[in-house]
Amino acid sequence: MAGLELLSDQGYRLDGRKATELRKVQARMGVFAQADGSAYLEQGNTKALAVVYGPHEMRGSRSRTLHDRAVINCQYSMATFSTAERKRRPHGDRKSTEMSLHLKQTFEAAVMTQLYPRSQIDIYVKILQSDGGNYSVCVNAATLAVIDAGIPMRDYVCACTVGFVDETPLADLCFAEESGGVSSLALALLPRGGQIALLQMDARLHQDHLETLIEAAMTACKGVSKVLDEVVRQHLQERSVLSGE
């Protein structure tokens, strides 16, 4: 991977995108009738399915009950066939547990949990095909599923992974870029108020570059939010047509 030129002299990336250009996003809401909310989302070649149940009564240990707000339970998993490596990924492995925690923290910042005291909201996300930006794609898919479930949110919560190559920020990294030694961060944003729900970094980055990278990530997240808003409006329009309104 070290030999790959991640950004050409003309300013093009491996997949032909410009530095700040997002991957193509396609999504559908309401893909599972059995769930309270569901969504399927493709961001480039990364594909995710999100399902939401609740709000409902607390299940399991009653000691987890919060008397002033709902508990958000998130579970992240990857399909065995999602990458070129055909290895089993048990639900309890370290990476899945870490990702589930990140998703929980993200949606606790966005969902209006105070409206549902002593309740539980379950968010399940599965990566069906992985090509970089797994956390970001999961957040974007889960946002649509939560909206489909009719659960109030403070704002869309949108996420994007950005990296830094040759003094240039790259938006919405693919797997080749993520594994090419790029300093990167993942950011989840509530775009209207500019509130950062989660910021994750797995590699070292010089502090002089941090502000530039965060600005690039916030701009990319705002671009994602426009796409998600179009998906929601299209879904509502289709539902109103079906219901004869």
C-alpha atoms as a PDB file:
ATOM      1  CA  MET A   1       0.000   0.000   0.000  1.00  0.00           C
ATOM      2  CA  ALA A   2       2.914   2.337   0.710  1.00  0.00           C
ATOM      3  CA  GLY A   3       3.727   2.521  -3.014  1.00  0.00           C
ATOM      4  CA  LEU A   4       0.294   3.840  -4.005  1.00  0.00           C
ATOM      5  CA  GLU A   5      -0.036   7.495  -4.943  1.00  0.00           C
ATOM      6  CA  LEU A   6      -3.067   8.554  -2.899  1.00  0.00           C
ATOM      7  CA  LEU A   7      -3.269  12.013  -4.497  1.00  0.00           C
ATOM      8  CA  SER A   8      -2.031  12.702  -8.028  1.00  0.00           C
ATOM      9  CA  ASP A   9      -0.285  15.878  -9.161  1.00  0.00           C
ATOM     10  CA  GLN A  10      -3.573  16.875 -10.835  1.00  0.00           C
ATOM     11  CA  GLY A  11      -5.408  16.565  -7.500  1.00  0.00           C
ATOM     12  CA  TYR A  12      -7.214  13.282  -8.154  1.00  0.00           C
ATOM     13  CA  ARG A  13      -7.490  10.347  -5.745  1.00  0.00           C
ATOM     14  CA  LEU A  14      -7.308   6.593  -6.378  1.00  0.00           C
ATOM     15  CA  ASP A  15     -11.010   6.373  -7.275  1.00  0.00           C
ATOM     16  CA  GLY A  16     -11.001   9.531  -9.407  1.00  0.00           C
ATOM     17  CA  ARG A  17     -12.519  11.869  -6.820  1.00  0.00           C
ATOM     18  CA  LYS A  18     -11.263  15.338  -5.970  1.00  0.00           C
ATOM     19  CA  ALA A  19      -9.869  15.867  -2.453  1.00  0.00           C
ATOM     20  CA  THR A  20     -13.107  17.166  -0.895  1.00  0.00           C
ATOM     21  CA  GLU A  21     -15.500  15.054  -2.967  1.00  0.00           C
ATOM     22  CA  LEU A  22     -17.730  12.568  -1.125  1.00  0.00           C
ATOM     23  CA  ARG A  23     -18.427   9.051  -2.302  1.00  0.00           C
ATOM     24  CA  LYS A  24     -21.856   8.516  -3.870  1.00  0.00           C
ATOM     25  CA  VAL A  25     -24.515   7.950  -1.193  1.00  0.00           C
ATOM     26  CA  GLN A  26     -27.630   5.873  -1.905  1.00  0.00           C
ATOM     27  CA  ALA A  27     -30.150   4.938   0.774  1.00  0.00           C
ATOM     28  CA  ARG A  28     -33.596   3.491   1.410  1.00  0.00           C
ATOM     29  CA  MET A  29     -35.734   3.741   4.532  1.00  0.00           C
ATOM     30  CA  GLY A  30     -38.329   1.294   5.847  1.00  0.00           C
ATOM     31  CA  VAL A  31     -36.684  -1.815   4.410  1.00  0.00           C
ATOM     32  CA  PHE A  32     -37.913  -4.092   7.272  1.00  0.00           C
ATOM     33  CA  ALA A  33     -41.614  -4.123   8.155  1.00  0.00           C
ATOM     34  CA  GLN A  34     -41.004  -6.056  11.411  1.00  0.00           C
ATOM     35  CA  ALA A  35     -38.794  -3.349  12.972  1.00  0.00           C
ATOM     36  CA  ASP A  36     -39.912   0.027  14.312  1.00  0.00           C
ATOM     37  CA  GLY A  37     -37.408   1.680  11.994  1.00  0.00           C
ATOM     38  CA  SER A  38     -34.881   0.498   9.404  1.00  0.00           C
ATOM     39  CA  ALA A  39     -32.602   1.782   6.649  1.00  0.00           C
ATOM     40  CA  TYR A  40     -30.116   0.489   4.081  1.00  0.00           C
ATOM     41  CA  LEU A  41     -27.289   2.805   3.040  1.00  0.00           C
ATOM     42  CA  GLU A  42     -24.454   2.616   0.519  1.00  0.00           C
ATOM     43  CA  GLN A  43     -21.586   5.099   0.725  1.00  0.00           C
ATOM     44  CA  GLY A  44     -19.278   4.224  -2.126  1.00  0.00           C
ATOM     45  CA  ASN A  45     -18.689   0.488  -1.833  1.00  0.00           C
ATOM     46  CA  THR A  46     -19.378   0.371   1.915  1.00  0.00           C
ATOM     47  CA  LYS A  47     -22.884  -0.934   2.585  1.00  0.00           C
ATOM     48  CA  ALA A  48     -24.724  -1.024   5.912  1.00  0.00           C
ATOM     49  CA  LEU A  49     -28.097  -2.079   7.266  1.00  0.00           C
ATOM     50  CA  ALA A  50     -29.539  -0.422  10.391  1.00  0.00           C
ATOM     51  CA  VAL A  51     -32.560  -1.561  12.409  1.00  0.00           C
ATOM     52  CA  VAL A  52     -34.194   0.221  15.361  1.00  0.00           C
ATOM     53  CA  TYR A  53     -36.570  -1.188  17.988  1.00  0.00           C
ATOM     54  CA  GLY A  54     -38.256   0.979  20.579  1.00  0.00           C
ATOM     55  CA  PRO A  55     -38.753   2.902  22.646  1.00  0.00           C
ATOM     56  CA  HIS A  56     -39.903  -0.071  24.718  1.00  0.00           C
ATOM     57  CA  GLU A  57     -39.765  -1.258  28.318  1.00  0.00           C
ATOM     58  CA  MET A  58     -36.354  -2.078  29.729  1.00  0.00           C
ATOM     59  CA  ARG A  59     -35.197  -5.628  29.123  1.00  0.00           C
ATOM     60  CA  GLY A  60     -32.736  -7.560  31.219  1.00  0.00           C
ATOM     61  CA  SER A  61     -31.299  -5.998  34.364  1.00  0.00           C
ATOM     62  CA  ARG A  62     -33.598  -3.342  35.873  1.00  0.00           C
ATOM     63  CA  SER A  63     -30.556  -1.696  37.468  1.00  0.00           C
ATOM     64  CA  ARG A  64     -29.743  -0.172  34.051  1.00  0.00           C
ATOM     65  CA  THR A  65     -33.045   1.771  34.069  1.00  0.00           C
ATOM     66  CA  LEU A  66     -32.679   5.564  33.959  1.00  0.00           C
ATOM     67  CA  HIS A  67     -35.575   7.433  35.565  1.00  0.00           C
ATOM     68  CA  ASP A  68     -35.124  10.644  33.595  1.00  0.00           C
ATOM     69  CA  ARG A  69     -34.333   9.349  30.103  1.00  0.00           C
ATOM     70  CA  ALA A  70     -34.169   6.325  27.801  1.00  0.00           C
ATOM     71  CA  VAL A  71     -31.206   3.960  27.638  1.00  0.00           C
ATOM     72  CA  ILE A  72     -29.717   3.608  24.154  1.00  0.00           C
ATOM     73  CA  ASN A  73     -28.400   0.153  23.349  1.00  0.00           C
ATOM     74  CA  CYS A  74     -26.233  -0.159  20.208  1.00  0.00           C
ATOM     75  CA  GLN A  75     -24.848  -3.284  18.617  1.00  0.00           C
ATOM     76  CA  TYR A  76     -22.418  -3.243  15.688  1.00  0.00           C
ATOM     77  CA  SER A  77     -21.435  -6.283  13.648  1.00  0.00           C
ATOM     78  CA  MET A  78     -19.826  -7.169  10.323  1.00  0.00           C
ATOM     79  CA  ALA A  79     -21.098  -9.839   7.955  1.00  0.00           C
ATOM     80  CA  THR A  80     -18.622 -12.682   7.391  1.00  0.00           C
ATOM     81  CA  PHE A  81     -18.651 -11.868   3.663  1.00  0.00           C
ATOM     82  CA  SER A  82     -18.172  -8.090   4.143  1.00  0.00           C
ATOM     83  CA  THR A  83     -14.402  -8.135   3.438  1.00  0.00           C
ATOM     84  CA  ALA A  84     -11.975 -10.191   1.358  1.00  0.00           C
ATOM     85  CA  GLU A  85     -10.970 -11.997   4.576  1.00  0.00           C
ATOM     86  CA  ARG A  86     -13.426 -14.811   5.274  1.00  0.00           C
ATOM     87  CA  LYS A  87     -13.121 -14.947   9.030  1.00  0.00           C
ATOM     88  CA  ARG A  88     -15.793 -15.259  11.674  1.00  0.00           C
ATOM     89  CA  ARG A  89     -16.382 -12.093  13.664  1.00  0.00           C
ATOM     90  CA  PRO A  90     -18.070 -12.892  16.949  1.00  0.00           C
ATOM     91  CA  HIS A  91     -20.396 -10.190  18.342  1.00  0.00           C
ATOM     92  CA  GLY A  92     -18.244  -9.759  21.432  1.00  0.00           C
ATOM     93  CA  ASP A  93     -14.871  -9.124  19.765  1.00  0.00           C
ATOM     94  CA  ARG A  94     -12.956  -5.995  20.824  1.00  0.00           C
ATOM     95  CA  LYS A  95     -13.469  -4.030  17.613  1.00  0.00           C
ATOM     96  CA  SER A  96     -17.233  -4.630  17.571  1.00  0.00           C
ATOM     97  CA  THR A  97     -17.549  -3.710  21.255  1.00  0.00           C
ATOM     98  CA  GLU A  98     -15.578  -0.503  20.694  1.00  0.00           C
ATOM     99  CA  MET A  99     -17.659   0.438  17.648  1.00  0.00           C
ATOM    100  CA  SER A 100     -20.903  -0.291  19.526  1.00  0.00           C
ATOM    101  CA  LEU A 101     -19.756   2.063  22.303  1.00  0.00           C
ATOM    102  CA  HIS A 102     -18.907   4.815  19.811  1.00  0.00           C
ATOM    103  CA  LEU A 103     -22.351   4.489  18.220  1.00  0.00           C
ATOM    104  CA  LYS A 104     -24.011   4.620  21.646  1.00  0.00           C
ATOM    105  CA  GLN A 105     -22.117   7.819  22.568  1.00  0.00           C
ATOM    106  CA  THR A 106     -23.001   9.366  19.198  1.00  0.00           C
ATOM    107  CA  PHE A 107     -26.740   8.744  19.448  1.00  0.00           C
ATOM    108  CA  GLU A 108     -26.944   9.734  23.109  1.00  0.00           C
ATOM    109  CA  ALA A 109     -25.902  13.196  21.900  1.00  0.00           C
ATOM    110  CA  ALA A 110     -28.559  13.281  19.162  1.00  0.00           C
ATOM    111  CA  VAL A 111     -31.670  11.408  20.343  1.00  0.00           C
ATOM    112  CA  MET A 112     -34.080  13.246  22.679  1.00  0.00           C
ATOM    113  CA  THR A 113     -33.923  10.486  25.277  1.00  0.00           C
ATOM    114  CA  GLN A 114     -35.538  12.663  27.982  1.00  0.00           C
ATOM    115  CA  LEU A 115     -38.903  12.127  26.262  1.00  0.00           C
ATOM    116  CA  TYR A 116     -38.827   8.408  27.096  1.00  0.00           C
ATOM    117  CA  PRO A 117     -37.886   7.860  30.767  1.00  0.00           C
ATOM    118  CA  ARG A 118     -37.484   4.267  31.998  1.00  0.00           C
ATOM    119  CA  SER A 119     -37.350   3.044  28.390  1.00  0.00           C
ATOM    120  CA  GLN A 120     -34.861   1.444  26.027  1.00  0.00           C
ATOM    121  CA  ILE A 121     -34.040   2.122  22.371  1.00  0.00           C
ATOM    122  CA  ASP A 122     -32.149  -0.604  20.482  1.00  0.00           C
ATOM    123  CA  ILE A 123     -30.030   0.263  17.428  1.00  0.00           C
ATOM    124  CA  TYR A 124     -28.514  -2.653  15.486  1.00  0.00           C
ATOM    125  CA  VAL A 125     -26.128  -1.966  12.602  1.00  0.00           C
ATOM    126  CA  LYS A 126     -24.494  -4.531  10.332  1.00  0.00           C
ATOM    127  CA  ILE A 127     -21.808  -3.857   7.719  1.00  0.00           C
ATOM    128  CA  LEU A 128     -22.678  -5.932   4.639  1.00  0.00           C
ATOM    129  CA  GLN A 129     -19.717  -4.772   2.546  1.00  0.00           C
ATOM    130  CA  SER A 130     -16.678  -2.926   3.848  1.00  0.00           C
ATOM    131  CA  ASP A 131     -14.623  -0.426   1.856  1.00  0.00           C
ATOM    132  CA  GLY A 132     -13.594   2.153   4.435  1.00  0.00           C
ATOM    133  CA  GLY A 133     -15.444   4.562   6.717  1.00  0.00           C
ATOM    134  CA  ASN A 134     -17.375   1.830   8.536  1.00  0.00           C
ATOM    135  CA  TYR A 135     -18.184   3.974  11.580  1.00  0.00           C
ATOM    136  CA  SER A 136     -19.366   6.885   9.429  1.00  0.00           C
ATOM    137  CA  VAL A 137     -21.584   4.718   7.234  1.00  0.00           C
ATOM    138  CA  CYS A 138     -23.100   3.060  10.326  1.00  0.00           C
ATOM    139  CA  VAL A 139     -23.949   6.447  11.859  1.00  0.00           C
ATOM    140  CA  ASN A 140     -25.546   7.689   8.628  1.00  0.00           C
ATOM    141  CA  ALA A 141     -27.587   4.488   8.198  1.00  0.00           C
ATOM    142  CA  ALA A 142     -28.659   4.461  11.862  1.00  0.00           C
ATOM    143  CA  THR A 143     -29.755   8.120  11.640  1.00  0.00           C
ATOM    144  CA  LEU A 144     -32.192   7.219   8.857  1.00  0.00           C
ATOM    145  CA  ALA A 145     -33.432   4.179  10.820  1.00  0.00           C
ATOM    146  CA  VAL A 146     -34.050   6.279  13.964  1.00  0.00           C
ATOM    147  CA  ILE A 147     -35.981   8.835  11.879  1.00  0.00           C
ATOM    148  CA  ASP A 148     -37.950   5.985  10.272  1.00  0.00           C
ATOM    149  CA  ALA A 149     -38.863   4.774  13.783  1.00  0.00           C
ATOM    150  CA  GLY A 150     -40.331   8.216  14.526  1.00  0.00           C
ATOM    151  CA  ILE A 151     -37.951   8.853  17.428  1.00  0.00           C
ATOM    152  CA  PRO A 152     -37.315  12.613  17.892  1.00  0.00           C
ATOM    153  CA  MET A 153     -33.742  13.809  17.377  1.00  0.00           C
ATOM    154  CA  ARG A 154     -32.140  17.194  18.014  1.00  0.00           C
ATOM    155  CA  ASP A 155     -30.810  17.110  14.458  1.00  0.00           C
ATOM    156  CA  TYR A 156     -29.563  14.679  11.864  1.00  0.00           C
ATOM    157  CA  VAL A 157     -26.336  13.154  13.124  1.00  0.00           C
ATOM    158  CA  CYS A 158     -23.967  12.724  10.167  1.00  0.00           C
ATOM    159  CA  ALA A 159     -20.475  11.261  10.140  1.00  0.00           C
ATOM    160  CA  CYS A 160     -17.490  11.270   7.816  1.00  0.00           C
ATOM    161  CA  THR A 161     -13.895  10.023   7.889  1.00  0.00           C
ATOM    162  CA  VAL A 162     -11.206  12.422   6.663  1.00  0.00           C
ATOM    163  CA  GLY A 163      -7.460  12.053   6.161  1.00  0.00           C
ATOM    164  CA  PHE A 164      -4.393  14.176   5.479  1.00  0.00           C
ATOM    165  CA  VAL A 165      -2.103  13.606   2.472  1.00  0.00           C
ATOM    166  CA  ASP A 166       0.569  15.999   1.167  1.00  0.00           C
ATOM    167  CA  GLU A 167      -0.809  18.892   3.264  1.00  0.00           C
ATOM    168  CA  THR A 168      -4.251  18.253   1.711  1.00  0.00           C
ATOM    169  CA  PRO A 169      -7.359  17.029   3.613  1.00  0.00           C
ATOM    170  CA  LEU A 170      -9.168  14.138   1.896  1.00  0.00           C
ATOM    171  CA  ALA A 171     -12.886  13.704   2.634  1.00  0.00           C
ATOM    172  CA  ASP A 172     -14.715  10.367   2.991  1.00  0.00           C
ATOM    173  CA  LEU A 173     -11.807   7.906   2.857  1.00  0.00           C
ATOM    174  CA  CYS A 174     -12.098   4.536   1.126  1.00  0.00           C
ATOM    175  CA  PHE A 175     -10.324   1.402   2.420  1.00  0.00           C
ATOM    176  CA  ALA A 176      -7.237   1.850   0.201  1.00  0.00           C
ATOM    177  CA  GLU A 177      -6.749   5.357   1.603  1.00  0.00           C
ATOM    178  CA  GLU A 178      -7.398   4.293   5.217  1.00  0.00           C
ATOM    179  CA  SER A 179      -4.848   1.493   4.953  1.00  0.00           C
ATOM    180  CA  GLY A 180      -2.326   3.619   3.037  1.00  0.00           C
ATOM    181  CA  GLY A 181      -0.788   5.151   6.143  1.00  0.00           C
ATOM    182  CA  VAL A 182      -2.955   8.291   6.092  1.00  0.00           C
ATOM    183  CA  SER A 183      -3.436  10.252   9.337  1.00  0.00           C
ATOM    184  CA  SER A 184      -7.204  10.199   9.705  1.00  0.00           C
ATOM    185  CA  LEU A 185     -10.076  11.006  12.016  1.00  0.00           C
ATOM    186  CA  ALA A 186     -13.787  10.169  12.103  1.00  0.00           C
ATOM    187  CA  LEU A 187     -16.202  12.880  13.151  1.00  0.00           C
ATOM    188  CA  ALA A 188     -19.954  12.796  13.882  1.00  0.00           C
ATOM    189  CA  LEU A 189     -21.734  16.132  13.688  1.00  0.00           C
ATOM    190  CA  LEU A 190     -25.138  17.661  14.414  1.00  0.00           C
ATOM    191  CA  PRO A 191     -24.871  20.054  11.458  1.00  0.00           C
ATOM    192  CA  ARG A 192     -27.386  22.809  12.257  1.00  0.00           C
ATOM    193  CA  GLY A 193     -25.785  23.748  15.574  1.00  0.00           C
ATOM    194  CA  GLY A 194     -22.291  22.596  14.649  1.00  0.00           C
ATOM    195  CA  GLN A 195     -22.197  20.299  17.713  1.00  0.00           C
ATOM    196  CA  ILE A 196     -19.621  17.490  17.525  1.00  0.00           C
ATOM    197  CA  ALA A 197     -21.163  14.253  18.829  1.00  0.00           C
ATOM    198  CA  LEU A 198     -17.987  12.161  18.549  1.00  0.00           C
ATOM    199  CA  LEU A 199     -14.398  12.617  17.376  1.00  0.00           C
ATOM    200  CA  GLN A 200     -12.224   9.538  16.942  1.00  0.00           C
ATOM    201  CA  MET A 201      -8.552   9.342  15.969  1.00  0.00           C
ATOM    202  CA  ASP A 202      -6.548   6.138  15.602  1.00  0.00           C
ATOM    203  CA  ALA A 203      -3.244   7.618  14.445  1.00  0.00           C
ATOM    204  CA  ARG A 204      -0.909  10.456  15.341  1.00  0.00           C
ATOM    205  CA  LEU A 205      -1.518  13.856  13.811  1.00  0.00           C
ATOM    206  CA  HIS A 206       0.418  17.071  14.245  1.00  0.00           C
ATOM    207  CA  GLN A 207      -1.627  19.638  16.165  1.00  0.00           C
ATOM    208  CA  ASP A 208      -1.050  22.219  13.422  1.00  0.00           C
ATOM    209  CA  HIS A 209      -3.120  20.023  11.080  1.00  0.00           C
ATOM    210  CA  LEU A 210      -5.906  19.156  13.522  1.00  0.00           C
ATOM    211  CA  GLU A 211      -8.043  22.268  13.023  1.00  0.00           C
ATOM    212  CA  THR A 212      -7.813  21.990   9.222  1.00  0.00           C
ATOM    213  CA  LEU A 213      -8.846  18.343   9.354  1.00  0.00           C
ATOM    214  CA  ILE A 214     -11.779  19.008  11.715  1.00  0.00           C
ATOM    215  CA  GLU A 215     -13.013  21.817   9.438  1.00  0.00           C
ATOM    216  CA  ALA A 216     -12.806  19.478   6.424  1.00  0.00           C
ATOM    217  CA  ALA A 217     -14.715  16.785   8.349  1.00  0.00           C
ATOM    218  CA  MET A 218     -17.448  19.232   9.415  1.00  0.00           C
ATOM    219  CA  THR A 219     -17.865  20.447   5.826  1.00  0.00           C
ATOM    220  CA  ALA A 220     -18.102  16.828   4.616  1.00  0.00           C
ATOM    221  CA  CYS A 221     -20.688  16.004   7.312  1.00  0.00           C
ATOM    222  CA  LYS A 222     -22.824  18.955   6.197  1.00  0.00           C
ATOM    223  CA  GLY A 223     -22.657  17.572   2.661  1.00  0.00           C
ATOM    224  CA  VAL A 224     -23.815  14.167   3.934  1.00  0.00           C
ATOM    225  CA  SER A 225     -26.686  15.799   5.871  1.00  0.00           C
ATOM    226  CA  LYS A 226     -28.065  17.313   2.649  1.00  0.00           C
ATOM    227  CA  VAL A 227     -28.115  13.862   1.041  1.00  0.00           C
ATOM    228  CA  LEU A 228     -29.815  12.283   4.087  1.00  0.00           C
ATOM    229  CA  ASP A 229     -32.390  15.090   4.130  1.00  0.00           C
ATOM    230  CA  GLU A 230     -33.233  14.358   0.480  1.00  0.00           C
ATOM    231  CA  VAL A 231     -33.625  10.636   1.306  1.00  0.00           C
ATOM    232  CA  VAL A 232     -36.010  11.419   4.199  1.00  0.00           C
ATOM    233  CA  ARG A 233     -38.095  13.826   2.094  1.00  0.00           C
ATOM    234  CA  GLN A 234     -38.309  11.313  -0.757  1.00  0.00           C
ATOM    235  CA  HIS A 235     -39.376   8.579   1.684  1.00  0.00           C
ATOM    236  CA  LEU A 236     -42.097  10.786   3.197  1.00  0.00           C
ATOM    237  CA  GLN A 237     -43.340  11.710  -0.266  1.00  0.00           C
ATOM    238  CA  GLU A 238     -43.553   8.035  -1.271  1.00  0.00           C
ATOM    239  CA  ARG A 239     -45.411   7.164   1.938  1.00  0.00           C
ATOM    240  CA  SER A 240     -47.914   9.996   1.494  1.00  0.00           C
ATOM    241  CA  VAL A 241     -48.601   8.797  -2.066  1.00  0.00           C
ATOM    242  CA  LEU A 242     -49.137   5.212  -0.859  1.00  0.00           C
ATOM    243  CA  SER A 243     -51.469   6.323   1.923  1.00  0.00           C
ATOM    244  CA  GLY A 244     -53.439   8.451  -0.542  1.00  0.00           C
ATOM    245  CA  GLU A 245     -52.832  11.768   1.207  1.00  0.00           C
END
